[in-house]
Amino acid sequence: MENKEENLVKKTCRELGITQKELAEKIGVHDVTVRNWTSKGKVPKIAKNFMELLLEKKEFLNYISQTQKYLQISEQIKDVRIPDTL
């Protein structure tokens, strides 16, 4: 079990915009278990790894979304014609 300064359960719920009950459902444990992890600050390594993967997935999906926006802007810029004024 790991004890972290910043509570990983609270951080995960906050960053994903979910409740502890919803996190428990994602992990496959009872919500009381997640509440205990929160209050005691101790999370089993496998649950810690799972929460870290959830956070990395969110970061990755945000990266993909930003990349798609940049590609759209790039396509729009490519289509812009600058008139010859000379």
PDB file of N, CA and C in Angstrom:
ATOM      1  N   MET A   1       0.841  -1.181   0.000  1.00  0.00           N
ATOM      2  CA  MET A   1       0.000   0.000   0.000  1.00  0.00           C
ATOM      3  C   MET A   1       0.882   1.239   0.000  1.00  0.00           C
ATOM      4  N   GLU A   2       0.382   2.269  -0.670  1.00  0.00           N
ATOM      5  CA  GLU A   2       1.160   3.490  -0.805  1.00  0.00           C
ATOM      6  C   GLU A   2       0.487   4.621  -0.044  1.00  0.00           C
ATOM      7  N   ASN A   3       1.298   5.468   0.543  1.00  0.00           N
ATOM      8  CA  ASN A   3       0.794   6.643   1.236  1.00  0.00           C
ATOM      9  C   ASN A   3       1.362   7.865   0.533  1.00  0.00           C
ATOM     10  N   LYS A   4       0.527   8.677  -0.060  1.00  0.00           N
ATOM     11  CA  LYS A   4       0.960   9.833  -0.838  1.00  0.00           C
ATOM     12  C   LYS A   4       0.599  11.116  -0.111  1.00  0.00           C
ATOM     13  N   GLU A   5       1.443  12.157  -0.335  1.00  0.00           N
ATOM     14  CA  GLU A   5       1.140  13.458   0.261  1.00  0.00           C
ATOM     15  C   GLU A   5      -0.186  13.985  -0.280  1.00  0.00           C
ATOM     16  N   GLU A   6      -0.318  14.016  -1.603  1.00  0.00           N
ATOM     17  CA  GLU A   6      -1.578  14.446  -2.195  1.00  0.00           C
ATOM     18  C   GLU A   6      -2.450  13.212  -2.363  1.00  0.00           C
ATOM     19  N   ASN A   7      -3.677  13.289  -1.919  1.00  0.00           N
ATOM     20  CA  ASN A   7      -4.558  12.133  -1.981  1.00  0.00           C
ATOM     21  C   ASN A   7      -4.909  11.827  -3.433  1.00  0.00           C
ATOM     22  N   LEU A   8      -4.453  10.687  -3.912  1.00  0.00           N
ATOM     23  CA  LEU A   8      -4.652  10.290  -5.301  1.00  0.00           C
ATOM     24  C   LEU A   8      -6.128  10.110  -5.641  1.00  0.00           C
ATOM     25  N   VAL A   9      -6.902   9.627  -4.698  1.00  0.00           N
ATOM     26  CA  VAL A   9      -8.336   9.436  -4.943  1.00  0.00           C
ATOM     27  C   VAL A   9      -8.996  10.784  -5.219  1.00  0.00           C
ATOM     28  N   LYS A  10      -8.736  11.761  -4.363  1.00  0.00           N
ATOM     29  CA  LYS A  10      -9.334  13.089  -4.552  1.00  0.00           C
ATOM     30  C   LYS A  10      -8.864  13.722  -5.850  1.00  0.00           C
ATOM     31  N   LYS A  11      -7.570  13.597  -6.134  1.00  0.00           N
ATOM     32  CA  LYS A  11      -7.012  14.162  -7.367  1.00  0.00           C
ATOM     33  C   LYS A  11      -7.667  13.523  -8.591  1.00  0.00           C
ATOM     34  N   THR A  12      -7.793  12.213  -8.582  1.00  0.00           N
ATOM     35  CA  THR A  12      -8.385  11.504  -9.718  1.00  0.00           C
ATOM     36  C   THR A  12      -9.834  11.926  -9.924  1.00  0.00           C
ATOM     37  N   CYS A  13     -10.599  11.969  -8.843  1.00  0.00           N
ATOM     38  CA  CYS A  13     -12.002  12.381  -8.946  1.00  0.00           C
ATOM     39  C   CYS A  13     -12.115  13.814  -9.455  1.00  0.00           C
ATOM     40  N   ARG A  14     -11.294  14.691  -8.925  1.00  0.00           N
ATOM     41  CA  ARG A  14     -11.333  16.099  -9.326  1.00  0.00           C
ATOM     42  C   ARG A  14     -10.989  16.245 -10.812  1.00  0.00           C
ATOM     43  N   GLU A  15      -9.889  15.640 -11.236  1.00  0.00           N
ATOM     44  CA  GLU A  15      -9.439  15.812 -12.617  1.00  0.00           C
ATOM     45  C   GLU A  15     -10.355  15.138 -13.631  1.00  0.00           C
ATOM     46  N   LEU A  16     -11.008  14.053 -13.229  1.00  0.00           N
ATOM     47  CA  LEU A  16     -11.925  13.371 -14.142  1.00  0.00           C
ATOM     48  C   LEU A  16     -13.349  13.893 -14.022  1.00  0.00           C
ATOM     49  N   GLY A  17     -13.608  14.702 -12.989  1.00  0.00           N
ATOM     50  CA  GLY A  17     -14.948  15.241 -12.788  1.00  0.00           C
ATOM     51  C   GLY A  17     -15.955  14.166 -12.411  1.00  0.00           C
ATOM     52  N   ILE A  18     -15.511  13.230 -11.565  1.00  0.00           N
ATOM     53  CA  ILE A  18     -16.390  12.138 -11.143  1.00  0.00           C
ATOM     54  C   ILE A  18     -16.430  12.074  -9.617  1.00  0.00           C
ATOM     55  N   THR A  19     -17.410  11.352  -9.110  1.00  0.00           N
ATOM     56  CA  THR A  19     -17.528  11.158  -7.665  1.00  0.00           C
ATOM     57  C   THR A  19     -16.695   9.947  -7.247  1.00  0.00           C
ATOM     58  N   GLN A  20     -16.514   9.803  -5.938  1.00  0.00           N
ATOM     59  CA  GLN A  20     -15.811   8.628  -5.431  1.00  0.00           C
ATOM     60  C   GLN A  20     -16.593   7.355  -5.755  1.00  0.00           C
ATOM     61  N   LYS A  21     -17.907   7.454  -5.746  1.00  0.00           N
ATOM     62  CA  LYS A  21     -18.732   6.292  -6.086  1.00  0.00           C
ATOM     63  C   LYS A  21     -18.504   5.888  -7.543  1.00  0.00           C
ATOM     64  N   GLU A  22     -18.434   6.881  -8.432  1.00  0.00           N
ATOM     65  CA  GLU A  22     -18.185   6.581  -9.849  1.00  0.00           C
ATOM     66  C   GLU A  22     -16.784   6.003 -10.050  1.00  0.00           C
ATOM     67  N   LEU A  23     -15.826   6.515  -9.286  1.00  0.00           N
ATOM     68  CA  LEU A  23     -14.470   5.969  -9.356  1.00  0.00           C
ATOM     69  C   LEU A  23     -14.469   4.514  -8.898  1.00  0.00           C
ATOM     70  N   ALA A  24     -15.185   4.239  -7.822  1.00  0.00           N
ATOM     71  CA  ALA A  24     -15.275   2.869  -7.318  1.00  0.00           C
ATOM     72  C   ALA A  24     -15.845   1.936  -8.387  1.00  0.00           C
ATOM     73  N   GLU A  25     -16.859   2.401  -9.108  1.00  0.00           N
ATOM     74  CA  GLU A  25     -17.449   1.589 -10.178  1.00  0.00           C
ATOM     75  C   GLU A  25     -16.433   1.326 -11.284  1.00  0.00           C
ATOM     76  N   LYS A  26     -15.645   2.346 -11.642  1.00  0.00           N
ATOM     77  CA  LYS A  26     -14.626   2.177 -12.682  1.00  0.00           C
ATOM     78  C   LYS A  26     -13.562   1.168 -12.256  1.00  0.00           C
ATOM     79  N   ILE A  27     -13.183   1.228 -10.983  1.00  0.00           N
ATOM     80  CA  ILE A  27     -12.141   0.334 -10.474  1.00  0.00           C
ATOM     81  C   ILE A  27     -12.694  -1.062 -10.219  1.00  0.00           C
ATOM     82  N   GLY A  28     -13.980  -1.136  -9.890  1.00  0.00           N
ATOM     83  CA  GLY A  28     -14.596  -2.432  -9.606  1.00  0.00           C
ATOM     84  C   GLY A  28     -14.558  -2.800  -8.136  1.00  0.00           C
ATOM     85  N   VAL A  29     -14.626  -1.765  -7.281  1.00  0.00           N
ATOM     86  CA  VAL A  29     -14.657  -2.003  -5.838  1.00  0.00           C
ATOM     87  C   VAL A  29     -15.865  -1.280  -5.252  1.00  0.00           C
ATOM     88  N   HIS A  30     -16.156  -1.570  -3.994  1.00  0.00           N
ATOM     89  CA  HIS A  30     -17.271  -0.925  -3.305  1.00  0.00           C
ATOM     90  C   HIS A  30     -16.884   0.517  -2.990  1.00  0.00           C
ATOM     91  N   ASP A  31     -17.869   1.415  -2.996  1.00  0.00           N
ATOM     92  CA  ASP A  31     -17.570   2.827  -2.730  1.00  0.00           C
ATOM     93  C   ASP A  31     -17.026   3.052  -1.323  1.00  0.00           C
ATOM     94  N   VAL A  32     -17.372   2.191  -0.381  1.00  0.00           N
ATOM     95  CA  VAL A  32     -16.820   2.305   0.978  1.00  0.00           C
ATOM     96  C   VAL A  32     -15.304   2.095   0.942  1.00  0.00           C
ATOM     97  N   THR A  33     -14.859   1.202   0.091  1.00  0.00           N
ATOM     98  CA  THR A  33     -13.423   0.949  -0.049  1.00  0.00           C
ATOM     99  C   THR A  33     -12.704   2.212  -0.495  1.00  0.00           C
ATOM    100  N   VAL A  34     -13.261   2.893  -1.479  1.00  0.00           N
ATOM    101  CA  VAL A  34     -12.650   4.129  -1.981  1.00  0.00           C
ATOM    102  C   VAL A  34     -12.678   5.205  -0.904  1.00  0.00           C
ATOM    103  N   ARG A  35     -13.769   5.282  -0.154  1.00  0.00           N
ATOM    104  CA  ARG A  35     -13.833   6.268   0.943  1.00  0.00           C
ATOM    105  C   ARG A  35     -12.752   5.980   1.979  1.00  0.00           C
ATOM    106  N   ASN A  36     -12.507   4.708   2.266  1.00  0.00           N
ATOM    107  CA  ASN A  36     -11.440   4.346   3.210  1.00  0.00           C
ATOM    108  C   ASN A  36     -10.071   4.764   2.679  1.00  0.00           C
ATOM    109  N   TRP A  37      -9.832   4.547   1.393  1.00  0.00           N
ATOM    110  CA  TRP A  37      -8.562   4.974   0.800  1.00  0.00           C
ATOM    111  C   TRP A  37      -8.393   6.480   0.955  1.00  0.00           C
ATOM    112  N   THR A  38      -9.498   7.206   0.765  1.00  0.00           N
ATOM    113  CA  THR A  38      -9.447   8.666   0.860  1.00  0.00           C
ATOM    114  C   THR A  38      -9.133   9.109   2.279  1.00  0.00           C
ATOM    115  N   SER A  39      -9.821   8.536   3.238  1.00  0.00           N
ATOM    116  CA  SER A  39      -9.639   8.982   4.624  1.00  0.00           C
ATOM    117  C   SER A  39      -8.302   8.545   5.205  1.00  0.00           C
ATOM    118  N   LYS A  40      -7.844   7.367   4.828  1.00  0.00           N
ATOM    119  CA  LYS A  40      -6.586   6.865   5.380  1.00  0.00           C
ATOM    120  C   LYS A  40      -5.373   7.278   4.554  1.00  0.00           C
ATOM    121  N   GLY A  41      -5.615   7.698   3.316  1.00  0.00           N
ATOM    122  CA  GLY A  41      -4.508   8.096   2.451  1.00  0.00           C
ATOM    123  C   GLY A  41      -3.674   6.935   1.961  1.00  0.00           C
ATOM    124  N   LYS A  42      -4.176   5.724   2.119  1.00  0.00           N
ATOM    125  CA  LYS A  42      -3.448   4.532   1.676  1.00  0.00           C
ATOM    126  C   LYS A  42      -4.242   3.852   0.567  1.00  0.00           C
ATOM    127  N   VAL A  43      -3.562   3.659  -0.551  1.00  0.00           N
ATOM    128  CA  VAL A  43      -4.205   3.055  -1.716  1.00  0.00           C
ATOM    129  C   VAL A  43      -3.383   1.845  -2.147  1.00  0.00           C
ATOM    130  N   PRO A  44      -4.023   0.693  -2.377  1.00  0.00           N
ATOM    131  CA  PRO A  44      -3.273  -0.461  -2.876  1.00  0.00           C
ATOM    132  C   PRO A  44      -2.592  -0.125  -4.205  1.00  0.00           C
ATOM    133  N   LYS A  45      -1.442  -0.726  -4.422  1.00  0.00           N
ATOM    134  CA  LYS A  45      -0.654  -0.399  -5.607  1.00  0.00           C
ATOM    135  C   LYS A  45      -1.442  -0.607  -6.899  1.00  0.00           C
ATOM    136  N   ILE A  46      -2.204  -1.672  -7.001  1.00  0.00           N
ATOM    137  CA  ILE A  46      -2.948  -1.927  -8.239  1.00  0.00           C
ATOM    138  C   ILE A  46      -3.998  -0.841  -8.485  1.00  0.00           C
ATOM    139  N   ALA A  47      -4.652  -0.365  -7.421  1.00  0.00           N
ATOM    140  CA  ALA A  47      -5.635   0.712  -7.558  1.00  0.00           C
ATOM    141  C   ALA A  47      -4.934   2.018  -7.913  1.00  0.00           C
ATOM    142  N   LYS A  48      -3.773   2.251  -7.299  1.00  0.00           N
ATOM    143  CA  LYS A  48      -2.973   3.438  -7.613  1.00  0.00           C
ATOM    144  C   LYS A  48      -2.601   3.431  -9.093  1.00  0.00           C
ATOM    145  N   ASN A  49      -2.124   2.298  -9.581  1.00  0.00           N
ATOM    146  CA  ASN A  49      -1.754   2.189 -10.993  1.00  0.00           C
ATOM    147  C   ASN A  49      -2.954   2.428 -11.902  1.00  0.00           C
ATOM    148  N   PHE A  50      -4.113   1.907 -11.503  1.00  0.00           N
ATOM    149  CA  PHE A  50      -5.327   2.078 -12.298  1.00  0.00           C
ATOM    150  C   PHE A  50      -5.719   3.553 -12.367  1.00  0.00           C
ATOM    151  N   MET A  51      -5.668   4.242 -11.222  1.00  0.00           N
ATOM    152  CA  MET A  51      -6.019   5.665 -11.208  1.00  0.00           C
ATOM    153  C   MET A  51      -5.032   6.482 -12.033  1.00  0.00           C
ATOM    154  N   GLU A  52      -3.754   6.140 -11.950  1.00  0.00           N
ATOM    155  CA  GLU A  52      -2.754   6.840 -12.753  1.00  0.00           C
ATOM    156  C   GLU A  52      -3.005   6.621 -14.243  1.00  0.00           C
ATOM    157  N   LEU A  53      -3.431   5.421 -14.609  1.00  0.00           N
ATOM    158  CA  LEU A  53      -3.777   5.158 -16.010  1.00  0.00           C
ATOM    159  C   LEU A  53      -5.000   5.959 -16.446  1.00  0.00           C
ATOM    160  N   LEU A  54      -5.983   6.085 -15.567  1.00  0.00           N
ATOM    161  CA  LEU A  54      -7.153   6.905 -15.890  1.00  0.00           C
ATOM    162  C   LEU A  54      -6.745   8.352 -16.147  1.00  0.00           C
ATOM    163  N   LEU A  55      -5.837   8.875 -15.319  1.00  0.00           N
ATOM    164  CA  LEU A  55      -5.373  10.248 -15.494  1.00  0.00           C
ATOM    165  C   LEU A  55      -4.551  10.394 -16.775  1.00  0.00           C
ATOM    166  N   GLU A  56      -3.709   9.418 -17.070  1.00  0.00           N
ATOM    167  CA  GLU A  56      -2.921   9.457 -18.305  1.00  0.00           C
ATOM    168  C   GLU A  56      -3.823   9.370 -19.533  1.00  0.00           C
ATOM    169  N   LYS A  57      -4.883   8.567 -19.439  1.00  0.00           N
ATOM    170  CA  LYS A  57      -5.831   8.455 -20.548  1.00  0.00           C
ATOM    171  C   LYS A  57      -6.483   9.807 -20.813  1.00  0.00           C
ATOM    172  N   LYS A  58      -6.874  10.498 -19.751  1.00  0.00           N
ATOM    173  CA  LYS A  58      -7.493  11.814 -19.917  1.00  0.00           C
ATOM    174  C   LYS A  58      -6.514  12.775 -20.580  1.00  0.00           C
ATOM    175  N   GLU A  59      -5.270  12.763 -20.118  1.00  0.00           N
ATOM    176  CA  GLU A  59      -4.241  13.628 -20.689  1.00  0.00           C
ATOM    177  C   GLU A  59      -4.019  13.295 -22.170  1.00  0.00           C
ATOM    178  N   PHE A  60      -3.975  12.019 -22.493  1.00  0.00           N
ATOM    179  CA  PHE A  60      -3.779  11.580 -23.868  1.00  0.00           C
ATOM    180  C   PHE A  60      -4.942  12.022 -24.756  1.00  0.00           C
ATOM    181  N   LEU A  61      -6.177  11.868 -24.272  1.00  0.00           N
ATOM    182  CA  LEU A  61      -7.341  12.282 -25.054  1.00  0.00           C
ATOM    183  C   LEU A  61      -7.351  13.793 -25.268  1.00  0.00           C
ATOM    184  N   ASN A  62      -6.918  14.556 -24.266  1.00  0.00           N
ATOM    185  CA  ASN A  62      -6.801  16.005 -24.426  1.00  0.00           C
ATOM    186  C   ASN A  62      -5.758  16.344 -25.481  1.00  0.00           C
ATOM    187  N   TYR A  63      -4.640  15.615 -25.471  1.00  0.00           N
ATOM    188  CA  TYR A  63      -3.583  15.828 -26.453  1.00  0.00           C
ATOM    189  C   TYR A  63      -4.101  15.552 -27.866  1.00  0.00           C
ATOM    190  N   ILE A  64      -4.844  14.471 -28.026  1.00  0.00           N
ATOM    191  CA  ILE A  64      -5.407  14.142 -29.339  1.00  0.00           C
ATOM    192  C   ILE A  64      -6.361  15.241 -29.792  1.00  0.00           C
ATOM    193  N   SER A  65      -7.195  15.718 -28.890  1.00  0.00           N
ATOM    194  CA  SER A  65      -8.145  16.776 -29.217  1.00  0.00           C
ATOM    195  C   SER A  65      -7.419  18.042 -29.667  1.00  0.00           C
ATOM    196  N   GLN A  66      -6.371  18.426 -28.939  1.00  0.00           N
ATOM    197  CA  GLN A  66      -5.597  19.619 -29.312  1.00  0.00           C
ATOM    198  C   GLN A  66      -4.922  19.423 -30.668  1.00  0.00           C
ATOM    199  N   THR A  67      -4.380  18.246 -30.899  1.00  0.00           N
ATOM    200  CA  THR A  67      -3.718  17.960 -32.172  1.00  0.00           C
ATOM    201  C   THR A  67      -4.707  18.066 -33.324  1.00  0.00           C
ATOM    202  N   GLN A  68      -5.910  17.567 -33.138  1.00  0.00           N
ATOM    203  CA  GLN A  68      -6.934  17.664 -34.179  1.00  0.00           C
ATOM    204  C   GLN A  68      -7.283  19.122 -34.459  1.00  0.00           C
ATOM    205  N   LYS A  69      -7.358  19.944 -33.416  1.00  0.00           N
ATOM    206  CA  LYS A  69      -7.638  21.370 -33.607  1.00  0.00           C
ATOM    207  C   LYS A  69      -6.519  22.034 -34.393  1.00  0.00           C
ATOM    208  N   TYR A  70      -5.265  21.716 -34.057  1.00  0.00           N
ATOM    209  CA  TYR A  70      -4.127  22.291 -34.773  1.00  0.00           C
ATOM    210  C   TYR A  70      -4.127  21.867 -36.238  1.00  0.00           C
ATOM    211  N   LEU A  71      -4.484  20.629 -36.505  1.00  0.00           N
ATOM    212  CA  LEU A  71      -4.547  20.157 -37.888  1.00  0.00           C
ATOM    213  C   LEU A  71      -5.630  20.891 -38.669  1.00  0.00           C
ATOM    214  N   GLN A  72      -6.766  21.139 -38.035  1.00  0.00           N
ATOM    215  CA  GLN A  72      -7.835  21.889 -38.692  1.00  0.00           C
ATOM    216  C   GLN A  72      -7.386  23.310 -39.003  1.00  0.00           C
ATOM    217  N   ILE A  73      -6.723  23.944 -38.054  1.00  0.00           N
ATOM    218  CA  ILE A  73      -6.220  25.306 -38.267  1.00  0.00           C
ATOM    219  C   ILE A  73      -5.186  25.306 -39.381  1.00  0.00           C
ATOM    220  N   SER A  74      -4.320  24.316 -39.389  1.00  0.00           N
ATOM    221  CA  SER A  74      -3.298  24.197 -40.425  1.00  0.00           C
ATOM    222  C   SER A  74      -3.934  24.081 -41.806  1.00  0.00           C
ATOM    223  N   GLU A  75      -4.988  23.293 -41.911  1.00  0.00           N
ATOM    224  CA  GLU A  75      -5.690  23.152 -43.191  1.00  0.00           C
ATOM    225  C   GLU A  75      -6.327  24.474 -43.612  1.00  0.00           C
ATOM    226  N   GLN A  76      -6.884  25.210 -42.660  1.00  0.00           N
ATOM    227  CA  GLN A  76      -7.495  26.499 -42.974  1.00  0.00           C
ATOM    228  C   GLN A  76      -6.440  27.493 -43.448  1.00  0.00           C
ATOM    229  N   ILE A  77      -5.292  27.495 -42.794  1.00  0.00           N
ATOM    230  CA  ILE A  77      -4.214  28.411 -43.173  1.00  0.00           C
ATOM    231  C   ILE A  77      -3.701  28.062 -44.564  1.00  0.00           C
ATOM    232  N   LYS A  78      -3.620  26.790 -44.860  1.00  0.00           N
ATOM    233  CA  LYS A  78      -3.132  26.342 -46.160  1.00  0.00           C
ATOM    234  C   LYS A  78      -4.026  26.858 -47.285  1.00  0.00           C
ATOM    235  N   ASP A  79      -5.300  27.001 -47.016  1.00  0.00           N
ATOM    236  CA  ASP A  79      -6.257  27.446 -48.028  1.00  0.00           C
ATOM    237  C   ASP A  79      -6.311  28.962 -48.183  1.00  0.00           C
ATOM    238  N   VAL A  80      -5.666  29.703 -47.300  1.00  0.00           N
ATOM    239  CA  VAL A  80      -5.697  31.165 -47.360  1.00  0.00           C
ATOM    240  C   VAL A  80      -4.748  31.638 -48.454  1.00  0.00           C
ATOM    241  N   ARG A  81      -5.239  32.512 -49.312  1.00  0.00           N
ATOM    242  CA  ARG A  81      -4.428  33.083 -50.389  1.00  0.00           C
ATOM    243  C   ARG A  81      -4.101  34.530 -50.042  1.00  0.00           C
ATOM    244  N   ILE A  82      -2.845  34.855 -50.147  1.00  0.00           N
ATOM    245  CA  ILE A  82      -2.416  36.238 -49.916  1.00  0.00           C
ATOM    246  C   ILE A  82      -2.282  36.891 -51.287  1.00  0.00           C
ATOM    247  N   PRO A  83      -3.042  37.959 -51.527  1.00  0.00           N
ATOM    248  CA  PRO A  83      -2.999  38.590 -52.857  1.00  0.00           C
ATOM    249  C   PRO A  83      -1.651  39.277 -53.099  1.00  0.00           C
ATOM    250  N   ASP A  84      -1.220  39.227 -54.352  1.00  0.00           N
ATOM    251  CA  ASP A  84      -0.005  39.949 -54.741  1.00  0.00           C
ATOM    252  C   ASP A  84      -0.353  41.421 -54.869  1.00  0.00           C
ATOM    253  N   THR A  85       0.312  42.235 -54.117  1.00  0.00           N
ATOM    254  CA  THR A  85       0.044  43.677 -54.179  1.00  0.00           C
ATOM    255  C   THR A  85       1.181  44.421 -54.845  1.00  0.00           C
ATOM    256  N   LEU A  86       2.204  43.716 -55.278  1.00  0.00           N
ATOM    257  CA  LEU A  86       3.342  44.370 -55.928  1.00  0.00           C
ATOM    258  C   LEU A  86       3.199  44.392 -57.413  1.00  0.00           C
TER     259      LEU A  86
END
